[in-house]
Amino acid sequence: MKQAKKSKRNAESEYDRREFIEEIGILFEDTGHPRMAGRIFGLLLVAEQPMLSSAEITEELQASKASVSTMTRLLLQSGLIERVARPGDRKDYFRMKSWSFDLVMERQLALIPVFRKLLEKGRPMVPPANRPGRESLEQMIDFYNWLEQEIPALKERWNRRKV
């Protein structure tokens, strides 16, 4: 009886794990990234081992070698994961980069002034008759200006919280 309950709990846990991995994949896709990259990212987050080989990722996700190769390269370039080697082993292994979120957020935050400047460049291009376009543009510029002013304080609060 106890074994059956434990087996059912393990099956439910495995289902939850797989569902989580798929949800991360969908989230990546919703933000304009390949779903497979998100699935790999999700798998590395919840993997039992701190690092997995390409073959292990391929098997676990039931994906093609080519897809895993391409998506691990993308995740490496994004700074979300890192490639590691084991002494005496010729395979490449991948693991989560230590708190890679900070690096990703810094890259995203760096785009805010770039995007605001681009929006400002578009200001004179909006014809007077396009009032909704002008209002939207002005609201976006105002929002990005506000973000640029608020981000340093938010970063400072975050850094104090981490300590």
Protein backbone atom coordinates (compact mmCIF):
# COMPACT_ATOMS: atom_id res chain seq x y z
CA MET A 1 0.00 0.00 0.00
CA LYS A 2 2.76 2.45 0.97
CA GLN A 3 4.72 1.58 -2.18
CA ALA A 4 1.66 2.30 -4.38
CA LYS A 5 1.18 5.72 -2.73
CA LYS A 6 4.87 6.54 -3.13
CA SER A 7 4.79 5.43 -6.76
CA LYS A 8 1.71 7.58 -7.43
CA ARG A 9 3.35 10.56 -5.71
CA ASN A 10 6.51 10.09 -7.82
CA ALA A 11 4.42 9.90 -11.01
CA GLU A 12 2.56 13.09 -10.04
CA SER A 13 5.83 14.79 -9.18
CA GLU A 14 7.33 13.77 -12.53
CA TYR A 15 4.22 15.03 -14.32
CA ASP A 16 4.47 18.36 -12.45
CA ARG A 17 8.17 18.58 -13.38
CA ARG A 18 7.47 17.93 -17.06
CA GLU A 19 4.57 20.38 -17.02
CA PHE A 20 6.83 23.02 -15.47
CA ILE A 21 9.44 22.47 -18.20
CA GLU A 22 6.78 22.86 -20.88
CA GLU A 23 5.38 26.00 -19.25
CA ILE A 24 8.84 27.56 -19.24
CA GLY A 25 9.06 26.67 -22.94
CA ILE A 26 5.75 28.39 -23.62
CA LEU A 27 6.83 31.45 -21.62
CA PHE A 28 10.00 31.71 -23.70
CA GLU A 29 7.91 31.38 -26.85
CA ASP A 30 5.49 34.07 -25.65
CA THR A 31 8.45 36.43 -25.25
CA GLY A 32 9.72 35.81 -28.78
CA HIS A 33 12.26 33.07 -28.08
CA PRO A 34 12.22 29.48 -29.28
CA ARG A 35 10.15 27.15 -27.16
CA MET A 36 12.95 24.55 -27.17
CA ALA A 37 15.34 27.07 -25.60
CA GLY A 38 12.82 27.53 -22.80
CA ARG A 39 12.38 23.80 -22.38
CA ILE A 40 16.14 23.34 -22.04
CA PHE A 41 16.31 26.25 -19.59
CA GLY A 42 13.44 24.74 -17.57
CA LEU A 43 15.05 21.31 -17.57
CA LEU A 44 18.36 22.68 -16.32
CA LEU A 45 16.51 24.52 -13.54
CA VAL A 46 14.92 21.35 -12.17
CA ALA A 47 17.42 18.67 -13.21
CA GLU A 48 18.50 16.26 -10.49
CA GLN A 49 22.12 16.76 -11.52
CA PRO A 50 23.67 20.25 -11.63
CA MET A 51 24.82 19.66 -15.21
CA LEU A 52 23.53 17.65 -18.15
CA SER A 53 25.15 16.51 -21.38
CA SER A 54 23.62 17.24 -24.76
CA ALA A 55 22.65 13.56 -25.00
CA GLU A 56 20.90 13.70 -21.63
CA ILE A 57 19.01 16.84 -22.63
CA THR A 58 18.06 15.26 -25.96
CA GLU A 59 16.77 12.13 -24.26
CA GLU A 60 14.96 13.92 -21.45
CA LEU A 61 13.16 16.35 -23.78
CA GLN A 62 12.67 13.86 -26.64
CA ALA A 63 14.26 16.43 -28.96
CA SER A 64 16.57 16.20 -31.92
CA LYS A 65 20.32 16.55 -31.46
CA ALA A 66 20.34 19.45 -33.90
CA SER A 67 17.66 21.33 -31.99
CA VAL A 68 19.41 20.83 -28.66
CA SER A 69 22.71 21.92 -30.18
CA THR A 70 21.21 25.07 -31.70
CA MET A 71 19.26 26.02 -28.60
CA THR A 72 22.10 25.40 -26.14
CA ARG A 73 24.23 27.67 -28.33
CA LEU A 74 21.51 30.34 -28.13
CA LEU A 75 21.26 29.99 -24.35
CA LEU A 76 25.06 30.18 -24.05
CA GLN A 77 25.11 33.39 -26.12
CA SER A 78 22.29 34.80 -23.99
CA GLY A 79 24.30 34.18 -20.85
CA LEU A 80 21.62 31.99 -19.28
CA ILE A 81 23.63 28.77 -19.19
CA GLU A 82 27.27 27.81 -19.33
CA ARG A 83 29.24 24.96 -20.88
CA VAL A 84 31.36 22.94 -18.49
CA ALA A 85 33.72 20.01 -18.87
CA ARG A 86 34.37 17.05 -16.62
CA PRO A 87 37.97 15.90 -16.30
CA GLY A 88 38.57 12.89 -18.52
CA ASP A 89 35.22 13.25 -20.29
CA ARG A 90 35.09 14.59 -23.85
CA LYS A 91 31.40 15.50 -23.72
CA ASP A 92 30.14 19.01 -23.20
CA TYR A 93 27.88 19.55 -20.24
CA PHE A 94 25.54 22.44 -19.58
CA ARG A 95 24.33 24.01 -16.37
CA MET A 96 22.53 27.09 -15.19
CA LYS A 97 24.80 30.07 -14.93
CA SER A 98 24.97 31.33 -11.38
CA TRP A 99 22.15 33.85 -11.03
CA SER A 100 22.12 34.55 -14.74
CA PHE A 101 18.95 36.56 -14.29
CA ASP A 102 20.95 39.65 -13.24
CA LEU A 103 22.89 39.59 -16.51
CA VAL A 104 19.74 39.10 -18.57
CA MET A 105 17.94 41.91 -16.76
CA GLU A 106 20.91 44.26 -17.24
CA ARG A 107 20.79 43.58 -20.96
CA GLN A 108 17.06 44.21 -21.07
CA LEU A 109 17.32 47.37 -18.98
CA ALA A 110 20.06 48.70 -21.26
CA LEU A 111 17.54 48.66 -24.10
CA ILE A 112 15.18 51.10 -22.36
CA PRO A 113 17.08 54.30 -23.25
CA VAL A 114 17.78 52.94 -26.73
CA PHE A 115 14.07 52.31 -27.31
CA ARG A 116 13.08 55.69 -25.83
CA LYS A 117 15.51 57.50 -28.14
CA LEU A 118 14.12 55.62 -31.11
CA LEU A 119 10.59 56.60 -30.12
CA GLU A 120 11.67 60.23 -29.80
CA LYS A 121 13.19 60.01 -33.28
CA GLY A 122 9.75 59.01 -34.55
CA ARG A 123 7.97 62.00 -32.99
CA PRO A 124 8.26 64.31 -36.02
CA MET A 125 7.16 61.51 -38.32
CA VAL A 126 3.68 61.21 -36.81
CA PRO A 127 1.26 63.24 -38.91
CA PRO A 128 -0.99 65.66 -36.98
CA ALA A 129 -4.06 63.78 -38.22
CA ASN A 130 -2.86 60.62 -36.43
CA ARG A 131 -3.86 61.70 -32.94
CA PRO A 132 -4.08 58.15 -31.51
CA GLY A 133 -0.60 57.41 -32.83
CA ARG A 134 0.82 60.60 -31.32
CA GLU A 135 -0.85 59.94 -27.96
CA SER A 136 0.47 56.38 -27.87
CA LEU A 137 3.95 57.52 -28.82
CA GLU A 138 3.97 60.25 -26.17
CA GLN A 139 2.75 57.81 -23.51
CA MET A 140 5.48 55.34 -24.42
CA ILE A 141 8.15 58.03 -24.32
CA ASP A 142 6.83 59.25 -20.98
CA PHE A 143 6.80 55.69 -19.61
CA TYR A 144 10.37 54.93 -20.75
CA ASN A 145 11.58 58.26 -19.31
CA TRP A 146 9.94 57.33 -16.01
CA LEU A 147 11.50 53.85 -16.10
CA GLU A 148 14.96 55.30 -16.71
CA GLN A 149 14.54 57.51 -13.65
CA GLU A 150 13.18 54.74 -11.42
CA ILE A 151 15.53 51.89 -12.34
CA PRO A 152 18.59 53.08 -10.38
CA ALA A 153 16.52 53.25 -7.17
CA LEU A 154 14.97 49.84 -7.87
CA LYS A 155 18.42 48.31 -8.43
CA GLU A 156 19.66 49.84 -5.20
CA ARG A 157 16.70 48.47 -3.25
CA TRP A 158 17.24 45.06 -4.83
CA ASN A 159 20.95 45.05 -3.97
CA ARG A 160 20.19 46.01 -0.33
CA ARG A 161 17.62 43.21 -0.17
CA LYS A 162 20.10 40.62 -1.45
CA VAL A 163 22.60 41.34 1.33
